[in-house]
Amino acid sequence: MCEVCGGRHHSWLHLNNNAVEDQSHTLLSSVGNLPIRSQVLMSTVEILIQDANGCYQRARALLDSASESRYMTESCRHRLGVSRQKCHLAVNGISGVKVPTIKARAQVIIRPVRHHEPQMTIEAYVVTQITGCTPSKHIRDADWVHLKDLELADPNFNEPLPVDVLLGAEVFPYIIRSG
């Protein structure tokens, strides 16, 4: 809940550009010669994915509005029992670093946990791992009273848990919506 206008968005949307620039410098601070990193929360959501028997299973997805593709871990694909199709995809990471060639993809149906719509059929490239557990360590949320009555997309946002799926730019606008 926005503390400025009461809307269903984060209060930072009301910051002016100077305030945003000032805030960006606080991400890395130092004490003596040792840098201390602040904890960053990634955009995770809990979703339902249809398995090979037509039943839905919970999965944790990472939202990445800069990704051109969708990805799923091999362990998630195996747990769902969905088939994979062969493919050959070269992927570049940060600074153009090549990652292992992707050799499989799977087609699955996803939907939100609390609603039946939107329901989307996506084709996800199958990878060994998307990222490590996120967040990297437990984040204490007891003092976050502004989140108390909100229905969060990932109720375990503060617990270090694995990511099963990465949803990219094509899916992103359907997930980030009002209400």
Foldseek 3Di string as FASTA:
>chain_A
DAPPPPFPDHVCVPDDPVVVVVVVVPQWDDDPPDIDGDFDFFDKFWKWKQAPVRDTDIFIETEAAPDPFKAFEPVVNVVSVFDKDFDWAWDADPPRHTDDTFTIKTWIWMDQPPDPPDIDIGIHTYDNADDFFPPPAADDCPPVVVCVPPDDRDPVSRHRDGHGMYDYNVCVVRVPDGD
